[in-house]
Amino acid sequence: MSVQPEEIDRQWGDSARPLVAPAESDVPLLNIANVLTMFRIAIVPVFVLALFTAGGHHTGWRIAAAALFGIAAITDRFDGQLARKYGLVTDFGKLADPIADKALIGAALIGLSALGDLPWWITSVICGREIGVTLLRLVVVRRGVIPAGRGGKLKTLVQSLAIAVLLLPLSGGFVTVGMGLMYVAVALTVLTGLDYVGQAARVWFAGAHTGR
């Protein structure tokens, strides 16, 4: 369950901030937040292996794949919180965290589509949006920062719930629920993507007017 960096709500209470925020250069690279991020990256190939073992529809292996996905999603929930709360933000974490998120969600979507459990057009829309937003961030980063949005957190949550349900060896109404959640996730993906494009355009033109 991945939360993209441009979509994280940065408004934390005073209790969630370190009393003295150390400079990023003083933060050790090997800290708990980065360890969790690296652990999440390491889970991705193991998750893919479990998903495709025994033809991809073995009950035990599908449960294992769903469990691995859930573990990775939980670490995503905590590594960012720990980094901000204890002043453990590093350049490595800023780079590795979104890579881990995109790798996990992308692997799950592509895997489900390859196994025939999810239409390819859904995978294409979600992955295409993430790639497009990443490229857009690289374009506008010199002009300014795009503020975080709560819609992105909701989008990621719904995506992860839908994937988790579809990964489990369920049938009947559960599959219907999973696909219903996935359609909602697609709608949120498109809407938040369009919102991001609009914000990026405003940042770009505002930066141009200020001579950045």
N, C-alpha and C. Protein backbone atom coordinates (compact mmCIF):
# COMPACT_ATOMS: atom_id res chain seq x y z
N MET A 1 0.88 -1.17 0.00
CA MET A 1 0.00 0.00 0.00
C MET A 1 0.89 1.19 0.00
N SER A 2 0.84 1.42 -1.16
CA SER A 2 1.76 2.45 -1.25
C SER A 2 1.17 3.79 -1.22
N VAL A 3 2.01 5.29 -0.28
CA VAL A 3 1.61 6.69 -0.27
C VAL A 3 2.69 7.47 -0.96
N GLN A 4 2.38 8.08 -2.07
CA GLN A 4 3.39 8.78 -2.84
C GLN A 4 3.85 10.03 -2.10
N PRO A 5 5.17 10.49 -2.26
CA PRO A 5 5.70 11.63 -1.52
C PRO A 5 4.94 12.91 -1.75
N GLU A 6 4.40 13.10 -2.98
CA GLU A 6 3.68 14.35 -3.22
C GLU A 6 2.31 14.32 -2.60
N GLU A 7 1.90 13.11 -2.09
CA GLU A 7 0.55 12.96 -1.61
C GLU A 7 0.49 12.80 -0.10
N ILE A 8 1.63 12.89 0.60
CA ILE A 8 1.66 12.69 2.04
C ILE A 8 1.21 13.95 2.74
N ASP A 9 0.33 13.81 3.68
CA ASP A 9 -0.11 14.97 4.44
C ASP A 9 0.97 15.31 5.45
N ARG A 10 1.59 16.45 5.28
CA ARG A 10 2.72 16.81 6.11
C ARG A 10 2.32 17.59 7.36
N GLN A 11 1.04 17.75 7.61
CA GLN A 11 0.62 18.54 8.75
C GLN A 11 0.52 17.65 9.97
N TRP A 12 1.61 17.53 10.67
CA TRP A 12 1.67 16.68 11.85
C TRP A 12 1.53 17.57 13.10
N GLY A 13 1.02 16.97 14.17
CA GLY A 13 0.92 17.69 15.42
C GLY A 13 2.28 17.92 16.02
N ASP A 14 2.36 18.83 16.96
CA ASP A 14 3.63 19.15 17.58
C ASP A 14 4.24 17.94 18.26
N SER A 15 3.38 17.04 18.76
CA SER A 15 3.89 15.87 19.46
C SER A 15 4.57 14.91 18.52
N ALA A 16 4.33 15.04 17.21
CA ALA A 16 4.91 14.11 16.23
C ALA A 16 6.22 14.63 15.68
N ARG A 17 6.72 15.79 16.19
CA ARG A 17 7.94 16.36 15.66
C ARG A 17 9.05 16.26 16.69
N PRO A 18 10.27 16.01 16.26
CA PRO A 18 11.37 15.98 17.21
C PRO A 18 11.59 17.38 17.79
N LEU A 19 12.05 17.42 19.05
CA LEU A 19 12.28 18.72 19.68
C LEU A 19 13.32 19.51 18.92
N VAL A 20 14.36 18.82 18.45
CA VAL A 20 15.39 19.46 17.64
C VAL A 20 15.57 18.65 16.38
N ALA A 21 15.24 19.20 15.23
CA ALA A 21 15.34 18.47 13.97
C ALA A 21 16.78 18.50 13.48
N PRO A 22 17.45 17.34 13.42
CA PRO A 22 18.83 17.34 12.96
C PRO A 22 18.91 17.59 11.47
N ALA A 23 20.04 18.11 11.03
CA ALA A 23 20.26 18.27 9.60
C ALA A 23 20.31 16.91 8.95
N GLU A 24 19.84 16.84 7.68
CA GLU A 24 19.81 15.54 7.01
C GLU A 24 21.19 14.92 6.92
N SER A 25 22.22 15.75 6.79
CA SER A 25 23.57 15.23 6.68
C SER A 25 24.03 14.55 7.96
N ASP A 26 23.37 14.86 9.11
CA ASP A 26 23.75 14.28 10.39
C ASP A 26 22.97 13.00 10.70
N VAL A 27 21.98 12.69 9.89
CA VAL A 27 21.16 11.51 10.13
C VAL A 27 21.85 10.27 9.57
N PRO A 28 22.04 9.22 10.36
CA PRO A 28 22.69 8.01 9.85
C PRO A 28 21.86 7.36 8.76
N LEU A 29 22.54 6.86 7.72
CA LEU A 29 21.83 6.21 6.62
C LEU A 29 21.12 4.96 7.10
N LEU A 30 21.77 4.21 7.99
CA LEU A 30 21.19 2.97 8.48
C LEU A 30 20.35 3.28 9.72
N ASN A 31 19.12 3.72 9.48
CA ASN A 31 18.18 3.98 10.58
C ASN A 31 16.92 3.15 10.36
N ILE A 32 16.05 3.12 11.36
CA ILE A 32 14.90 2.23 11.32
C ILE A 32 13.98 2.52 10.14
N ALA A 33 13.82 3.79 9.80
CA ALA A 33 12.94 4.13 8.68
C ALA A 33 13.49 3.60 7.36
N ASN A 34 14.79 3.78 7.12
CA ASN A 34 15.40 3.29 5.89
C ASN A 34 15.46 1.77 5.85
N VAL A 35 15.66 1.16 7.01
CA VAL A 35 15.68 -0.31 7.08
C VAL A 35 14.32 -0.87 6.66
N LEU A 36 13.24 -0.24 7.14
CA LEU A 36 11.90 -0.68 6.76
C LEU A 36 11.66 -0.50 5.27
N THR A 37 12.16 0.60 4.72
CA THR A 37 12.00 0.84 3.28
C THR A 37 12.76 -0.22 2.47
N MET A 38 14.00 -0.51 2.87
CA MET A 38 14.78 -1.53 2.17
C MET A 38 14.14 -2.91 2.32
N PHE A 39 13.55 -3.16 3.50
CA PHE A 39 12.85 -4.42 3.72
C PHE A 39 11.67 -4.55 2.76
N ARG A 40 10.96 -3.43 2.56
CA ARG A 40 9.81 -3.45 1.65
C ARG A 40 10.25 -3.72 0.21
N ILE A 41 11.37 -3.13 -0.19
CA ILE A 41 11.90 -3.39 -1.53
C ILE A 41 12.28 -4.86 -1.68
N ALA A 42 12.88 -5.43 -0.63
CA ALA A 42 13.32 -6.83 -0.68
C ALA A 42 12.13 -7.79 -0.74
N ILE A 43 10.98 -7.38 -0.18
CA ILE A 43 9.79 -8.23 -0.19
C ILE A 43 9.23 -8.39 -1.60
N VAL A 44 9.39 -7.38 -2.45
CA VAL A 44 8.73 -7.38 -3.76
C VAL A 44 9.06 -8.62 -4.59
N PRO A 45 10.34 -8.99 -4.80
CA PRO A 45 10.59 -10.20 -5.60
C PRO A 45 10.07 -11.47 -4.93
N VAL A 46 10.10 -11.52 -3.60
CA VAL A 46 9.57 -12.68 -2.89
C VAL A 46 8.06 -12.76 -3.09
N PHE A 47 7.41 -11.60 -3.04
CA PHE A 47 5.98 -11.54 -3.29
C PHE A 47 5.63 -12.03 -4.69
N VAL A 48 6.38 -11.58 -5.68
CA VAL A 48 6.13 -12.00 -7.07
C VAL A 48 6.32 -13.51 -7.21
N LEU A 49 7.36 -14.04 -6.60
CA LEU A 49 7.60 -15.48 -6.65
C LEU A 49 6.44 -16.25 -6.05
N ALA A 50 5.96 -15.81 -4.88
CA ALA A 50 4.84 -16.49 -4.24
C ALA A 50 3.58 -16.39 -5.11
N LEU A 51 3.38 -15.25 -5.75
CA LEU A 51 2.18 -15.05 -6.55
C LEU A 51 2.13 -15.99 -7.76
N PHE A 52 3.28 -16.25 -8.38
CA PHE A 52 3.30 -17.05 -9.60
C PHE A 52 3.62 -18.53 -9.37
N THR A 53 3.95 -18.90 -8.15
CA THR A 53 4.27 -20.30 -7.87
C THR A 53 3.03 -21.18 -8.07
N ALA A 54 3.26 -22.37 -8.59
CA ALA A 54 2.20 -23.37 -8.81
C ALA A 54 1.10 -22.84 -9.71
N GLY A 55 1.50 -22.11 -10.75
CA GLY A 55 0.54 -21.65 -11.73
C GLY A 55 -0.19 -20.38 -11.36
N GLY A 56 0.06 -19.84 -10.17
CA GLY A 56 -0.53 -18.58 -9.78
C GLY A 56 -1.88 -18.65 -9.12
N HIS A 57 -2.46 -19.86 -9.01
CA HIS A 57 -3.79 -19.96 -8.41
C HIS A 57 -3.85 -21.03 -7.32
N HIS A 58 -2.70 -21.36 -6.76
CA HIS A 58 -2.66 -22.30 -5.65
C HIS A 58 -3.09 -21.57 -4.37
N THR A 59 -4.02 -22.17 -3.65
CA THR A 59 -4.61 -21.51 -2.48
C THR A 59 -3.55 -21.06 -1.48
N GLY A 60 -2.67 -21.96 -1.11
CA GLY A 60 -1.65 -21.64 -0.11
C GLY A 60 -0.71 -20.54 -0.56
N TRP A 61 -0.27 -20.60 -1.81
CA TRP A 61 0.65 -19.59 -2.31
C TRP A 61 -0.01 -18.24 -2.49
N ARG A 62 -1.30 -18.25 -2.84
CA ARG A 62 -2.00 -16.96 -2.96
C ARG A 62 -2.16 -16.31 -1.59
N ILE A 63 -2.42 -17.12 -0.57
CA ILE A 63 -2.50 -16.58 0.79
C ILE A 63 -1.15 -16.02 1.20
N ALA A 64 -0.08 -16.73 0.86
CA ALA A 64 1.27 -16.26 1.18
C ALA A 64 1.56 -14.94 0.48
N ALA A 65 1.18 -14.85 -0.79
CA ALA A 65 1.40 -13.61 -1.54
C ALA A 65 0.62 -12.45 -0.92
N ALA A 66 -0.62 -12.71 -0.53
CA ALA A 66 -1.43 -11.67 0.10
C ALA A 66 -0.82 -11.23 1.43
N ALA A 67 -0.28 -12.21 2.18
CA ALA A 67 0.34 -11.88 3.47
C ALA A 67 1.58 -11.02 3.26
N LEU A 68 2.39 -11.35 2.27
CA LEU A 68 3.59 -10.56 1.98
C LEU A 68 3.21 -9.14 1.55
N PHE A 69 2.18 -9.05 0.73
CA PHE A 69 1.71 -7.72 0.31
C PHE A 69 1.25 -6.92 1.51
N GLY A 70 0.53 -7.55 2.42
CA GLY A 70 0.05 -6.86 3.61
C GLY A 70 1.19 -6.40 4.51
N ILE A 71 2.20 -7.24 4.68
CA ILE A 71 3.36 -6.87 5.49
C ILE A 71 4.06 -5.66 4.89
N ALA A 72 4.26 -5.69 3.58
CA ALA A 72 4.92 -4.57 2.91
C ALA A 72 4.09 -3.30 3.05
N ALA A 73 2.78 -3.41 2.94
CA ALA A 73 1.91 -2.24 3.06
C ALA A 73 1.99 -1.65 4.47
N ILE A 74 2.10 -2.51 5.48
CA ILE A 74 2.19 -2.04 6.86
C ILE A 74 3.50 -1.29 7.08
N THR A 75 4.60 -1.82 6.53
CA THR A 75 5.89 -1.12 6.69
C THR A 75 5.84 0.25 6.02
N ASP A 76 5.10 0.36 4.92
CA ASP A 76 4.96 1.64 4.24
C ASP A 76 4.25 2.64 5.12
N ARG A 77 3.34 2.15 5.93
CA ARG A 77 2.59 3.02 6.84
C ARG A 77 3.51 3.61 7.90
N PHE A 78 4.50 2.84 8.36
CA PHE A 78 5.28 3.26 9.51
C PHE A 78 6.61 3.92 9.19
N ASP A 79 7.24 3.58 8.05
CA ASP A 79 8.58 4.13 7.84
C ASP A 79 8.57 5.65 7.69
N GLY A 80 7.58 6.18 6.97
CA GLY A 80 7.50 7.63 6.82
C GLY A 80 7.20 8.33 8.13
N GLN A 81 6.31 7.73 8.92
CA GLN A 81 5.97 8.31 10.22
C GLN A 81 7.20 8.37 11.12
N LEU A 82 7.94 7.27 11.17
CA LEU A 82 9.13 7.22 12.02
C LEU A 82 10.18 8.24 11.57
N ALA A 83 10.34 8.35 10.24
CA ALA A 83 11.34 9.29 9.72
C ALA A 83 11.02 10.71 10.13
N ARG A 84 9.75 11.09 10.04
CA ARG A 84 9.38 12.46 10.39
C ARG A 84 9.34 12.69 11.89
N LYS A 85 8.86 11.72 12.63
CA LYS A 85 8.71 11.89 14.08
C LYS A 85 10.06 12.00 14.78
N TYR A 86 11.03 11.19 14.33
CA TYR A 86 12.32 11.15 15.01
C TYR A 86 13.44 11.84 14.22
N GLY A 87 13.06 12.61 13.21
CA GLY A 87 14.06 13.35 12.45
C GLY A 87 15.03 12.46 11.71
N LEU A 88 14.51 11.39 11.08
CA LEU A 88 15.34 10.42 10.38
C LEU A 88 15.23 10.54 8.86
N VAL A 89 14.79 11.70 8.38
CA VAL A 89 14.63 11.91 6.95
C VAL A 89 16.01 12.01 6.29
N THR A 90 16.21 11.22 5.23
CA THR A 90 17.47 11.24 4.48
C THR A 90 17.18 11.32 2.98
N ASP A 91 18.18 11.73 2.21
CA ASP A 91 18.02 11.76 0.76
C ASP A 91 17.75 10.36 0.23
N PHE A 92 18.40 9.36 0.83
CA PHE A 92 18.16 7.97 0.40
C PHE A 92 16.70 7.59 0.62
N GLY A 93 16.16 7.95 1.78
CA GLY A 93 14.78 7.62 2.06
C GLY A 93 13.81 8.29 1.11
N LYS A 94 14.10 9.56 0.77
CA LYS A 94 13.24 10.28 -0.17
C LYS A 94 13.21 9.60 -1.53
N LEU A 95 14.32 9.01 -1.92
CA LEU A 95 14.41 8.33 -3.22
C LEU A 95 13.86 6.92 -3.15
N ALA A 96 14.24 6.18 -2.10
CA ALA A 96 13.89 4.77 -2.03
C ALA A 96 12.43 4.52 -1.69
N ASP A 97 11.83 5.39 -0.88
CA ASP A 97 10.46 5.16 -0.45
C ASP A 97 9.47 5.13 -1.63
N PRO A 98 9.47 6.12 -2.52
CA PRO A 98 8.54 6.04 -3.66
C PRO A 98 8.87 4.89 -4.60
N ILE A 99 10.16 4.52 -4.71
CA ILE A 99 10.53 3.38 -5.55
C ILE A 99 9.90 2.11 -4.98
N ALA A 100 9.99 1.95 -3.66
CA ALA A 100 9.41 0.77 -3.01
C ALA A 100 7.90 0.73 -3.21
N ASP A 101 7.26 1.87 -3.06
CA ASP A 101 5.80 1.94 -3.21
C ASP A 101 5.37 1.54 -4.62
N LYS A 102 6.01 2.15 -5.61
CA LYS A 102 5.64 1.89 -7.00
C LYS A 102 5.96 0.45 -7.40
N ALA A 103 7.07 -0.06 -6.89
CA ALA A 103 7.46 -1.45 -7.21
C ALA A 103 6.43 -2.43 -6.67
N LEU A 104 5.98 -2.21 -5.44
CA LEU A 104 5.02 -3.13 -4.82
C LEU A 104 3.67 -3.08 -5.53
N ILE A 105 3.10 -1.89 -5.69
CA ILE A 105 1.80 -1.77 -6.33
C ILE A 105 1.87 -2.23 -7.78
N GLY A 106 2.92 -1.81 -8.49
CA GLY A 106 3.07 -2.20 -9.89
C GLY A 106 3.21 -3.70 -10.06
N ALA A 107 4.01 -4.34 -9.22
CA ALA A 107 4.20 -5.78 -9.31
C ALA A 107 2.89 -6.52 -9.06
N ALA A 108 2.12 -6.05 -8.08
CA ALA A 108 0.85 -6.70 -7.76
C ALA A 108 -0.14 -6.57 -8.92
N LEU A 109 -0.25 -5.37 -9.48
CA LEU A 109 -1.20 -5.15 -10.57
C LEU A 109 -0.81 -5.95 -11.81
N ILE A 110 0.47 -5.88 -12.17
CA ILE A 110 0.93 -6.61 -13.37
C ILE A 110 0.77 -8.11 -13.16
N GLY A 111 1.09 -8.57 -11.95
CA GLY A 111 0.94 -10.00 -11.66
C GLY A 111 -0.50 -10.46 -11.77
N LEU A 112 -1.42 -9.70 -11.19
CA LEU A 112 -2.84 -10.08 -11.26
C LEU A 112 -3.35 -10.06 -12.70
N SER A 113 -2.89 -9.08 -13.48
CA SER A 113 -3.33 -9.03 -14.88
C SER A 113 -2.75 -10.19 -15.68
N ALA A 114 -1.49 -10.53 -15.43
CA ALA A 114 -0.85 -11.64 -16.14
C ALA A 114 -1.55 -12.97 -15.82
N LEU A 115 -2.10 -13.07 -14.62
CA LEU A 115 -2.80 -14.29 -14.22
C LEU A 115 -4.28 -14.29 -14.63
N GLY A 116 -4.72 -13.21 -15.27
CA GLY A 116 -6.10 -13.13 -15.73
C GLY A 116 -7.09 -12.73 -14.66
N ASP A 117 -6.61 -12.22 -13.53
CA ASP A 117 -7.50 -11.85 -12.43
C ASP A 117 -7.84 -10.37 -12.42
N LEU A 118 -7.25 -9.60 -13.32
CA LEU A 118 -7.49 -8.16 -13.37
C LEU A 118 -7.32 -7.69 -14.80
N PRO A 119 -8.27 -6.93 -15.34
CA PRO A 119 -8.14 -6.44 -16.71
C PRO A 119 -6.89 -5.59 -16.89
N TRP A 120 -6.23 -5.77 -18.04
CA TRP A 120 -4.99 -5.03 -18.29
C TRP A 120 -5.22 -3.53 -18.36
N TRP A 121 -6.42 -3.09 -18.76
CA TRP A 121 -6.63 -1.65 -18.89
C TRP A 121 -6.56 -0.96 -17.52
N ILE A 122 -6.98 -1.67 -16.47
CA ILE A 122 -6.89 -1.10 -15.12
C ILE A 122 -5.43 -0.94 -14.72
N THR A 123 -4.64 -1.98 -14.96
CA THR A 123 -3.21 -1.92 -14.66
C THR A 123 -2.54 -0.81 -15.44
N SER A 124 -2.92 -0.66 -16.70
CA SER A 124 -2.32 0.37 -17.55
C SER A 124 -2.64 1.77 -17.04
N VAL A 125 -3.90 1.99 -16.62
CA VAL A 125 -4.30 3.31 -16.14
C VAL A 125 -3.54 3.67 -14.86
N ILE A 126 -3.51 2.74 -13.90
CA ILE A 126 -2.87 3.04 -12.62
C ILE A 126 -1.36 3.20 -12.77
N CYS A 127 -0.72 2.27 -13.48
CA CYS A 127 0.73 2.37 -13.66
C CYS A 127 1.10 3.57 -14.52
N GLY A 128 0.29 3.85 -15.53
CA GLY A 128 0.55 5.00 -16.38
C GLY A 128 0.45 6.30 -15.61
N ARG A 129 -0.51 6.38 -14.71
CA ARG A 129 -0.66 7.58 -13.88
C ARG A 129 0.57 7.77 -13.01
N GLU A 130 1.05 6.70 -12.37
CA GLU A 130 2.18 6.81 -11.48
C GLU A 130 3.45 7.23 -12.23
N ILE A 131 3.65 6.65 -13.41
CA ILE A 131 4.81 7.03 -14.21
C ILE A 131 4.70 8.48 -14.65
N GLY A 132 3.50 8.87 -15.08
CA GLY A 132 3.29 10.24 -15.54
C GLY A 132 3.52 11.26 -14.43
N VAL A 133 3.01 10.98 -13.24
CA VAL A 133 3.19 11.89 -12.11
C VAL A 133 4.66 11.99 -11.73
N THR A 134 5.36 10.87 -11.76
CA THR A 134 6.79 10.88 -11.44
C THR A 134 7.56 11.75 -12.42
N LEU A 135 7.28 11.61 -13.70
CA LEU A 135 7.95 12.43 -14.71
C LEU A 135 7.59 13.90 -14.54
N LEU A 136 6.33 14.16 -14.20
CA LEU A 136 5.89 15.54 -14.02
C LEU A 136 6.60 16.17 -12.83
N ARG A 137 6.79 15.42 -11.78
CA ARG A 137 7.50 15.93 -10.61
C ARG A 137 8.92 16.33 -10.98
N LEU A 138 9.56 15.53 -11.83
CA LEU A 138 10.92 15.85 -12.25
C LEU A 138 10.96 17.14 -13.07
N VAL A 139 9.89 17.38 -13.82
CA VAL A 139 9.84 18.57 -14.68
C VAL A 139 9.67 19.85 -13.84
N VAL A 140 8.78 19.80 -12.84
CA VAL A 140 8.43 21.03 -12.12
C VAL A 140 9.24 21.24 -10.85
N VAL A 141 10.09 20.28 -10.48
CA VAL A 141 10.78 20.37 -9.20
C VAL A 141 11.63 21.64 -9.08
N ARG A 142 12.15 22.14 -10.21
CA ARG A 142 12.98 23.35 -10.16
C ARG A 142 12.15 24.63 -10.01
N ARG A 143 10.85 24.52 -10.26
CA ARG A 143 10.00 25.70 -10.19
C ARG A 143 9.29 25.83 -8.84
N GLY A 144 9.15 24.75 -8.11
CA GLY A 144 8.47 24.83 -6.83
C GLY A 144 7.99 23.46 -6.37
N VAL A 145 7.40 23.44 -5.18
CA VAL A 145 6.92 22.20 -4.57
C VAL A 145 5.40 22.16 -4.65
N ILE A 146 4.88 21.02 -5.03
CA ILE A 146 3.43 20.84 -5.10
C ILE A 146 2.93 20.38 -3.73
N PRO A 147 1.96 21.08 -3.14
CA PRO A 147 1.49 20.71 -1.81
C PRO A 147 0.85 19.33 -1.78
N ALA A 148 0.92 18.71 -0.61
CA ALA A 148 0.37 17.37 -0.44
C ALA A 148 -1.15 17.39 -0.53
N GLY A 149 -1.71 16.25 -0.91
CA GLY A 149 -3.16 16.15 -1.01
C GLY A 149 -3.67 14.92 -0.29
N ARG A 150 -4.78 15.06 0.42
CA ARG A 150 -5.37 13.93 1.12
C ARG A 150 -5.95 12.91 0.16
N GLY A 151 -6.34 13.36 -1.03
CA GLY A 151 -6.92 12.43 -1.99
C GLY A 151 -5.96 11.33 -2.38
N GLY A 152 -4.66 11.64 -2.43
CA GLY A 152 -3.67 10.64 -2.77
C GLY A 152 -3.59 9.54 -1.74
N LYS A 153 -3.73 9.89 -0.45
CA LYS A 153 -3.71 8.89 0.60
C LYS A 153 -4.90 7.95 0.48
N LEU A 154 -6.08 8.53 0.18
CA LEU A 154 -7.28 7.72 0.02
C LEU A 154 -7.13 6.81 -1.20
N LYS A 155 -6.57 7.36 -2.28
CA LYS A 155 -6.35 6.57 -3.50
C LYS A 155 -5.48 5.35 -3.22
N THR A 156 -4.38 5.57 -2.51
CA THR A 156 -3.45 4.49 -2.22
C THR A 156 -4.09 3.45 -1.31
N LEU A 157 -4.87 3.92 -0.32
CA LEU A 157 -5.54 3.00 0.59
C LEU A 157 -6.51 2.09 -0.16
N VAL A 158 -7.33 2.69 -1.03
CA VAL A 158 -8.32 1.90 -1.77
C VAL A 158 -7.61 0.95 -2.74
N GLN A 159 -6.57 1.41 -3.40
CA GLN A 159 -5.79 0.53 -4.27
C GLN A 159 -5.30 -0.70 -3.51
N SER A 160 -4.72 -0.46 -2.35
CA SER A 160 -4.14 -1.55 -1.57
C SER A 160 -5.20 -2.53 -1.08
N LEU A 161 -6.34 -1.99 -0.63
CA LEU A 161 -7.43 -2.87 -0.19
C LEU A 161 -7.95 -3.73 -1.34
N ALA A 162 -8.11 -3.11 -2.50
CA ALA A 162 -8.60 -3.85 -3.67
C ALA A 162 -7.62 -4.95 -4.06
N ILE A 163 -6.34 -4.62 -4.09
CA ILE A 163 -5.32 -5.61 -4.45
C ILE A 163 -5.31 -6.75 -3.44
N ALA A 164 -5.39 -6.43 -2.15
CA ALA A 164 -5.37 -7.45 -1.11
C ALA A 164 -6.53 -8.44 -1.28
N VAL A 165 -7.72 -7.90 -1.56
CA VAL A 165 -8.88 -8.78 -1.74
C VAL A 165 -8.70 -9.67 -2.97
N LEU A 166 -8.21 -9.10 -4.07
CA LEU A 166 -8.04 -9.87 -5.30
C LEU A 166 -6.91 -10.88 -5.20
N LEU A 167 -5.95 -10.63 -4.33
CA LEU A 167 -4.86 -11.59 -4.15
C LEU A 167 -5.32 -12.84 -3.40
N LEU A 168 -6.25 -12.68 -2.50
CA LEU A 168 -6.72 -13.81 -1.72
C LEU A 168 -7.50 -14.79 -2.60
N PRO A 169 -7.40 -16.09 -2.31
CA PRO A 169 -8.11 -17.10 -3.12
C PRO A 169 -9.60 -17.15 -2.78
N LEU A 170 -10.29 -16.08 -3.11
CA LEU A 170 -11.71 -15.97 -2.81
C LEU A 170 -12.52 -16.08 -4.11
N SER A 171 -13.80 -16.20 -3.95
CA SER A 171 -14.66 -16.30 -5.14
C SER A 171 -16.01 -15.67 -4.84
N GLY A 172 -16.85 -15.63 -5.86
CA GLY A 172 -18.21 -15.12 -5.68
C GLY A 172 -18.25 -13.65 -5.33
N GLY A 173 -18.96 -13.35 -4.25
CA GLY A 173 -19.16 -11.97 -3.84
C GLY A 173 -17.89 -11.25 -3.46
N PHE A 174 -16.89 -12.00 -2.97
CA PHE A 174 -15.63 -11.37 -2.59
C PHE A 174 -14.91 -10.78 -3.80
N VAL A 175 -14.97 -11.52 -4.90
CA VAL A 175 -14.36 -11.00 -6.13
C VAL A 175 -15.09 -9.75 -6.59
N THR A 176 -16.40 -9.76 -6.46
CA THR A 176 -17.19 -8.58 -6.84
C THR A 176 -16.81 -7.39 -5.99
N VAL A 177 -16.63 -7.62 -4.69
CA VAL A 177 -16.22 -6.54 -3.79
C VAL A 177 -14.83 -6.02 -4.18
N GLY A 178 -13.92 -6.96 -4.45
CA GLY A 178 -12.57 -6.57 -4.85
C GLY A 178 -12.56 -5.74 -6.11
N MET A 179 -13.34 -6.15 -7.10
CA MET A 179 -13.39 -5.39 -8.35
C MET A 179 -14.09 -4.04 -8.14
N GLY A 180 -15.09 -4.02 -7.28
CA GLY A 180 -15.74 -2.75 -6.98
C GLY A 180 -14.77 -1.76 -6.37
N LEU A 181 -13.96 -2.24 -5.42
CA LEU A 181 -12.94 -1.39 -4.82
C LEU A 181 -11.92 -0.94 -5.87
N MET A 182 -11.60 -1.83 -6.80
CA MET A 182 -10.62 -1.48 -7.82
C MET A 182 -11.16 -0.41 -8.75
N TYR A 183 -12.44 -0.47 -9.09
CA TYR A 183 -13.02 0.58 -9.93
C TYR A 183 -13.00 1.93 -9.21
N VAL A 184 -13.27 1.90 -7.91
CA VAL A 184 -13.18 3.14 -7.13
C VAL A 184 -11.73 3.64 -7.13
N ALA A 185 -10.79 2.71 -7.00
CA ALA A 185 -9.37 3.08 -7.01
C ALA A 185 -8.98 3.71 -8.34
N VAL A 186 -9.49 3.17 -9.44
CA VAL A 186 -9.19 3.73 -10.75
C VAL A 186 -9.74 5.15 -10.85
N ALA A 187 -10.96 5.36 -10.38
CA ALA A 187 -11.56 6.70 -10.42
C ALA A 187 -10.72 7.68 -9.60
N LEU A 188 -10.32 7.27 -8.40
CA LEU A 188 -9.49 8.14 -7.56
C LEU A 188 -8.12 8.38 -8.19
N THR A 189 -7.60 7.35 -8.85
CA THR A 189 -6.30 7.48 -9.52
C THR A 189 -6.35 8.55 -10.59
N VAL A 190 -7.41 8.51 -11.40
CA VAL A 190 -7.56 9.49 -12.48
C VAL A 190 -7.80 10.89 -11.92
N LEU A 191 -8.69 11.00 -10.94
CA LEU A 191 -9.03 12.31 -10.39
C LEU A 191 -7.82 12.96 -9.70
N THR A 192 -7.11 12.19 -8.89
CA THR A 192 -5.93 12.76 -8.22
C THR A 192 -4.83 13.07 -9.22
N GLY A 193 -4.75 12.28 -10.29
CA GLY A 193 -3.76 12.56 -11.32
C GLY A 193 -4.05 13.86 -12.03
N LEU A 194 -5.33 14.09 -12.37
CA LEU A 194 -5.71 15.34 -13.01
C LEU A 194 -5.48 16.54 -12.08
N ASP A 195 -5.78 16.33 -10.80
CA ASP A 195 -5.54 17.40 -9.83
C ASP A 195 -4.06 17.73 -9.74
N TYR A 196 -3.24 16.70 -9.79
CA TYR A 196 -1.80 16.92 -9.72
C TYR A 196 -1.30 17.68 -10.95
N VAL A 197 -1.84 17.34 -12.12
CA VAL A 197 -1.46 18.05 -13.34
C VAL A 197 -1.81 19.53 -13.22
N GLY A 198 -3.01 19.82 -12.68
CA GLY A 198 -3.42 21.21 -12.50
C GLY A 198 -2.50 21.96 -11.54
N GLN A 199 -2.15 21.31 -10.43
CA GLN A 199 -1.24 21.94 -9.47
C GLN A 199 0.14 22.14 -10.07
N ALA A 200 0.61 21.15 -10.84
CA ALA A 200 1.92 21.26 -11.47
C ALA A 200 1.95 22.43 -12.45
N ALA A 201 0.86 22.63 -13.19
CA ALA A 201 0.80 23.75 -14.14
C ALA A 201 0.86 25.08 -13.40
N ARG A 202 0.15 25.18 -12.27
CA ARG A 202 0.17 26.43 -11.51
C ARG A 202 1.56 26.71 -10.95
N VAL A 203 2.22 25.65 -10.44
CA VAL A 203 3.58 25.82 -9.91
C VAL A 203 4.54 26.22 -11.02
N TRP A 204 4.39 25.61 -12.18
CA TRP A 204 5.29 25.90 -13.31
C TRP A 204 5.17 27.37 -13.74
N PHE A 205 3.93 27.83 -13.95
CA PHE A 205 3.75 29.19 -14.43
C PHE A 205 4.06 30.22 -13.34
N ALA A 206 3.81 29.85 -12.07
CA ALA A 206 4.16 30.75 -10.98
C ALA A 206 5.68 30.89 -10.89
N GLY A 207 6.38 29.76 -11.09
CA GLY A 207 7.83 29.80 -11.07
C GLY A 207 8.39 30.59 -12.23
N ALA A 208 7.73 30.52 -13.38
CA ALA A 208 8.18 31.26 -14.55
C ALA A 208 8.05 32.77 -14.31
N HIS A 209 6.97 33.18 -13.64
CA HIS A 209 6.75 34.60 -13.37
C HIS A 209 7.76 35.15 -12.37
N THR A 210 8.25 34.27 -11.47
CA THR A 210 9.22 34.74 -10.47
C THR A 210 10.65 34.58 -10.93
N GLY A 211 10.81 34.09 -12.17
CA GLY A 211 12.15 33.98 -12.75
C GLY A 211 12.93 32.79 -12.31
N ARG A 212 12.28 31.74 -11.78
CA ARG A 212 13.00 30.55 -11.37
C ARG A 212 13.42 29.71 -12.56
